[in-house]
């Protein structure tokens, strides 16, 4: 039992003394796993689309919606709201 405790103690002491290296090693391993997943993604089986529904008997086709109303025209001329830039070469 003392030998096992000694091994655990030395391993813990090494990790504490070299914690920066241990964290770097864990991060490098995580990066390699992520790169492996991106390069070789797990195979997925394609799911076929469901078959289209089949109508039985007569089908009621709805009427198309009514046309939208025409937009209301303002009582003023929109060009009157535009002011000319005095630096334009070709004024209106």
N, C-alpha and C. Protein backbone atom coordinates (compact mmCIF):
# COMPACT_ATOMS: atom_id res chain seq x y z
N UNK A 1 0.82 -1.19 0.00
CA UNK A 1 0.00 0.00 0.00
C UNK A 1 0.87 1.25 0.00
N UNK A 2 2.00 1.20 0.73
CA UNK A 2 2.88 2.36 0.78
C UNK A 2 3.46 2.69 -0.60
N UNK A 3 3.70 1.65 -1.39
CA UNK A 3 4.25 1.89 -2.72
C UNK A 3 3.23 2.61 -3.60
N UNK A 4 1.97 2.23 -3.52
CA UNK A 4 0.91 2.88 -4.29
C UNK A 4 0.75 4.33 -3.85
N UNK A 5 0.75 4.57 -2.56
CA UNK A 5 0.63 5.94 -2.04
C UNK A 5 1.84 6.76 -2.48
N UNK A 6 3.01 6.15 -2.49
CA UNK A 6 4.22 6.85 -2.92
C UNK A 6 4.13 7.23 -4.40
N UNK A 7 3.62 6.34 -5.23
CA UNK A 7 3.47 6.63 -6.66
C UNK A 7 2.47 7.76 -6.86
N UNK A 8 1.33 7.70 -6.15
CA UNK A 8 0.32 8.77 -6.26
C UNK A 8 0.89 10.09 -5.77
N UNK A 9 1.66 10.06 -4.67
CA UNK A 9 2.26 11.26 -4.12
C UNK A 9 3.25 11.88 -5.11
N UNK A 10 4.11 11.07 -5.70
CA UNK A 10 5.09 11.58 -6.66
C UNK A 10 4.42 12.11 -7.93
N UNK A 11 3.37 11.41 -8.38
CA UNK A 11 2.65 11.88 -9.56
C UNK A 11 1.97 13.21 -9.28
N UNK A 12 1.32 13.32 -8.14
CA UNK A 12 0.68 14.59 -7.77
C UNK A 12 1.68 15.70 -7.61
N UNK A 13 2.84 15.40 -7.02
CA UNK A 13 3.90 16.42 -6.86
C UNK A 13 4.43 16.86 -8.22
N UNK A 14 4.61 15.92 -9.16
CA UNK A 14 5.10 16.26 -10.50
C UNK A 14 4.08 17.15 -11.22
N UNK A 15 2.79 16.78 -11.11
CA UNK A 15 1.75 17.59 -11.77
C UNK A 15 1.71 18.99 -11.15
N UNK A 16 1.86 19.09 -9.82
CA UNK A 16 1.83 20.41 -9.19
C UNK A 16 3.04 21.24 -9.61
N UNK A 17 4.20 20.62 -9.71
CA UNK A 17 5.41 21.35 -10.11
C UNK A 17 5.37 21.73 -11.59
N UNK A 18 4.69 20.96 -12.39
CA UNK A 18 4.64 21.19 -13.85
C UNK A 18 3.20 21.41 -14.31
N UNK A 19 2.43 22.18 -13.55
CA UNK A 19 1.02 22.34 -13.87
C UNK A 19 0.80 23.04 -15.21
N UNK A 20 1.70 23.94 -15.58
CA UNK A 20 1.55 24.61 -16.87
C UNK A 20 1.69 23.60 -18.02
N UNK A 21 2.66 22.72 -17.88
CA UNK A 21 2.84 21.68 -18.91
C UNK A 21 1.66 20.72 -18.93
N UNK A 22 1.13 20.40 -17.77
CA UNK A 22 -0.02 19.48 -17.70
C UNK A 22 -1.24 20.11 -18.37
N UNK A 23 -1.50 21.40 -18.09
CA UNK A 23 -2.63 22.08 -18.72
C UNK A 23 -2.42 22.18 -20.22
N UNK A 24 -1.19 22.49 -20.64
CA UNK A 24 -0.90 22.55 -22.07
C UNK A 24 -1.13 21.20 -22.72
N UNK A 25 -0.71 20.12 -22.05
CA UNK A 25 -0.93 18.78 -22.61
C UNK A 25 -2.41 18.45 -22.75
N UNK A 26 -3.21 18.81 -21.75
CA UNK A 26 -4.65 18.56 -21.83
C UNK A 26 -5.26 19.37 -22.98
N UNK A 27 -4.87 20.63 -23.13
CA UNK A 27 -5.41 21.46 -24.20
C UNK A 27 -5.00 20.94 -25.58
N UNK A 28 -3.76 20.47 -25.71
CA UNK A 28 -3.31 19.91 -26.99
C UNK A 28 -4.10 18.65 -27.33
N UNK A 29 -4.34 17.82 -26.35
CA UNK A 29 -5.12 16.60 -26.59
C UNK A 29 -6.55 16.96 -27.00
N UNK A 30 -7.16 17.96 -26.33
CA UNK A 30 -8.51 18.39 -26.70
C UNK A 30 -8.53 18.95 -28.12
N UNK A 31 -7.51 19.73 -28.48
CA UNK A 31 -7.42 20.27 -29.84
C UNK A 31 -7.30 19.16 -30.87
N UNK A 32 -6.47 18.17 -30.59
CA UNK A 32 -6.30 17.06 -31.53
C UNK A 32 -7.60 16.28 -31.71
N UNK A 33 -8.35 16.08 -30.63
CA UNK A 33 -9.63 15.38 -30.73
C UNK A 33 -10.60 16.18 -31.59
N UNK A 34 -10.66 17.50 -31.39
CA UNK A 34 -11.56 18.34 -32.19
C UNK A 34 -11.17 18.33 -33.67
N UNK A 35 -9.87 18.40 -33.94
CA UNK A 35 -9.40 18.36 -35.33
C UNK A 35 -9.74 17.01 -35.96
N UNK A 36 -9.58 15.94 -35.22
CA UNK A 36 -9.92 14.61 -35.74
C UNK A 36 -11.41 14.52 -36.07
N UNK A 37 -12.25 15.08 -35.22
CA UNK A 37 -13.70 15.04 -35.47
C UNK A 37 -14.04 15.84 -36.72
N UNK A 38 -13.36 16.98 -36.94
CA UNK A 38 -13.64 17.79 -38.13
C UNK A 38 -13.15 17.09 -39.38
N UNK A 39 -11.96 16.49 -39.34
CA UNK A 39 -11.39 15.85 -40.52
C UNK A 39 -12.13 14.57 -40.86
N UNK A 40 -12.45 13.78 -39.87
CA UNK A 40 -13.10 12.49 -40.10
C UNK A 40 -14.40 12.44 -39.30
N UNK A 41 -15.47 13.10 -39.80
CA UNK A 41 -16.72 13.12 -39.02
C UNK A 41 -17.34 11.73 -38.96
N UNK A 42 -18.11 11.47 -37.92
CA UNK A 42 -18.75 10.16 -37.82
C UNK A 42 -19.77 9.97 -38.94
N UNK A 43 -19.85 8.77 -39.44
CA UNK A 43 -20.76 8.49 -40.55
C UNK A 43 -22.21 8.52 -40.05
N UNK A 44 -23.05 9.18 -40.80
CA UNK A 44 -24.47 9.22 -40.47
C UNK A 44 -25.24 8.63 -41.65
N UNK A 45 -26.24 7.89 -41.33
CA UNK A 45 -27.05 7.30 -42.40
C UNK A 45 -28.05 8.33 -42.90
N UNK A 46 -28.12 8.51 -44.22
CA UNK A 46 -29.08 9.49 -44.74
C UNK A 46 -30.51 9.02 -44.51
N UNK A 47 -31.34 9.93 -44.10
CA UNK A 47 -32.74 9.62 -43.85
C UNK A 47 -33.51 9.99 -45.11
N UNK A 48 -34.21 9.03 -45.72
CA UNK A 48 -34.96 9.37 -46.93
C UNK A 48 -36.14 10.26 -46.58
N UNK A 49 -36.50 11.17 -47.50
CA UNK A 49 -37.64 12.05 -47.22
C UNK A 49 -38.93 11.24 -47.21
N UNK A 50 -39.92 11.70 -46.47
CA UNK A 50 -41.18 10.96 -46.42
C UNK A 50 -41.88 11.03 -47.78
N UNK A 51 -42.66 10.03 -48.12
CA UNK A 51 -43.34 10.07 -49.40
C UNK A 51 -44.41 11.18 -49.39
N UNK A 52 -44.69 11.75 -50.55
CA UNK A 52 -45.70 12.82 -50.60
C UNK A 52 -47.08 12.24 -50.29
N UNK A 53 -47.94 13.05 -49.67
CA UNK A 53 -49.28 12.54 -49.36
C UNK A 53 -50.09 12.34 -50.64
N UNK A 54 -50.93 11.35 -50.61
CA UNK A 54 -51.76 11.07 -51.79
C UNK A 54 -53.19 11.45 -51.47
N UNK A 55 -53.78 12.17 -52.41
CA UNK A 55 -55.17 12.60 -52.23
C UNK A 55 -56.10 11.46 -52.65
N UNK A 56 -57.15 11.31 -51.87
CA UNK A 56 -58.15 10.29 -52.20
C UNK A 56 -59.47 11.00 -52.46
N UNK A 57 -60.04 10.77 -53.59
CA UNK A 57 -61.31 11.41 -53.94
C UNK A 57 -61.08 12.85 -54.38
N UNK A 58 -62.14 13.68 -54.25
CA UNK A 58 -62.03 15.07 -54.66
C UNK A 58 -61.31 15.88 -53.59
N UNK A 59 -60.57 16.83 -54.07
CA UNK A 59 -59.82 17.69 -53.17
C UNK A 59 -60.34 19.10 -53.33
N UNK A 60 -60.67 19.75 -52.21
CA UNK A 60 -61.13 21.14 -52.26
C UNK A 60 -59.92 22.05 -52.41
N UNK A 61 -59.90 22.79 -53.50
CA UNK A 61 -58.81 23.74 -53.74
C UNK A 61 -59.29 25.09 -53.25
N UNK A 62 -58.58 25.71 -52.31
CA UNK A 62 -59.03 26.99 -51.79
C UNK A 62 -58.90 28.09 -52.84
N UNK A 63 -59.75 29.10 -52.72
CA UNK A 63 -59.69 30.25 -53.62
C UNK A 63 -58.43 31.05 -53.32
N UNK A 64 -57.85 31.65 -54.35
CA UNK A 64 -56.67 32.49 -54.08
C UNK A 64 -57.09 33.72 -53.28
N UNK A 65 -56.18 34.26 -52.50
CA UNK A 65 -56.52 35.44 -51.70
C UNK A 65 -56.82 36.64 -52.59
N UNK A 66 -57.60 37.58 -52.05
CA UNK A 66 -57.94 38.78 -52.81
C UNK A 66 -56.70 39.64 -53.00
N UNK A 67 -56.70 40.42 -54.05
CA UNK A 67 -55.56 41.30 -54.34
C UNK A 67 -55.48 42.37 -53.26
N UNK A 68 -54.29 42.77 -52.87
CA UNK A 68 -54.17 43.80 -51.84
C UNK A 68 -54.65 45.14 -52.37
N UNK A 69 -55.13 46.02 -51.49
CA UNK A 69 -55.60 47.33 -51.96
C UNK A 69 -54.43 48.17 -52.45
N UNK A 70 -54.75 49.11 -53.32
CA UNK A 70 -53.72 50.02 -53.85
C UNK A 70 -53.24 50.92 -52.72
N UNK A 71 -51.95 51.27 -52.70
CA UNK A 71 -51.46 52.16 -51.65
C UNK A 71 -52.07 53.56 -51.80
N UNK A 72 -52.28 54.20 -50.66
CA UNK A 72 -52.87 55.54 -50.65
C UNK A 72 -51.81 56.54 -51.09
N UNK A 73 -52.17 57.39 -52.05
CA UNK A 73 -51.24 58.42 -52.54
C UNK A 73 -51.36 59.65 -51.64
N UNK A 74 -50.23 60.22 -51.24
CA UNK A 74 -50.30 61.43 -50.39
C UNK A 74 -50.82 62.62 -51.19
N UNK A 75 -51.31 63.63 -50.46
CA UNK A 75 -51.88 64.82 -51.10
C UNK A 75 -50.80 65.78 -51.57
N UNK A 76 -49.56 65.53 -51.31
CA UNK A 76 -48.47 66.43 -51.68
C UNK A 76 -47.51 65.72 -52.60
N UNK A 77 -46.69 66.47 -53.25
CA UNK A 77 -45.70 65.93 -54.17
C UNK A 77 -44.45 65.54 -53.37
N UNK A 78 -44.03 64.30 -53.52
CA UNK A 78 -42.86 63.83 -52.76
C UNK A 78 -41.59 64.55 -53.17
N UNK A 79 -41.49 65.05 -54.39
CA UNK A 79 -40.29 65.76 -54.83
C UNK A 79 -40.12 67.08 -54.09
N UNK A 80 -41.21 67.63 -53.53
CA UNK A 80 -41.10 68.88 -52.78
C UNK A 80 -40.35 68.67 -51.47
N UNK A 81 -40.35 67.44 -50.95
CA UNK A 81 -39.67 67.16 -49.70
C UNK A 81 -38.17 67.01 -49.86
N UNK A 82 -37.70 66.84 -51.09
CA UNK A 82 -36.28 66.64 -51.34
C UNK A 82 -35.63 68.00 -51.54
N UNK A 83 -34.62 68.28 -50.76
CA UNK A 83 -33.88 69.53 -50.95
C UNK A 83 -32.62 69.24 -51.76
N UNK A 84 -32.28 70.15 -52.62
CA UNK A 84 -31.12 69.97 -53.47
C UNK A 84 -29.84 70.26 -52.71
N UNK A 85 -28.82 69.49 -52.98
CA UNK A 85 -27.51 69.73 -52.43
C UNK A 85 -26.88 70.87 -53.22
N UNK A 86 -26.41 71.91 -52.57
CA UNK A 86 -25.85 73.03 -53.33
C UNK A 86 -24.55 72.67 -54.05
N UNK A 87 -23.95 71.56 -53.72
CA UNK A 87 -22.69 71.19 -54.36
C UNK A 87 -22.88 70.23 -55.53
N UNK A 88 -24.14 69.89 -55.88
CA UNK A 88 -24.37 69.04 -57.03
C UNK A 88 -24.06 69.82 -58.29
N UNK A 89 -23.49 69.14 -59.29
CA UNK A 89 -23.14 69.81 -60.55
C UNK A 89 -24.38 70.03 -61.41
N UNK A 90 -25.30 69.10 -61.39
CA UNK A 90 -26.49 69.21 -62.23
C UNK A 90 -27.73 69.29 -61.34
N UNK A 91 -28.16 70.48 -60.99
CA UNK A 91 -29.36 70.56 -60.16
C UNK A 91 -30.59 70.14 -60.93
N UNK A 92 -31.62 69.78 -60.21
CA UNK A 92 -32.87 69.35 -60.85
C UNK A 92 -33.54 70.47 -61.54
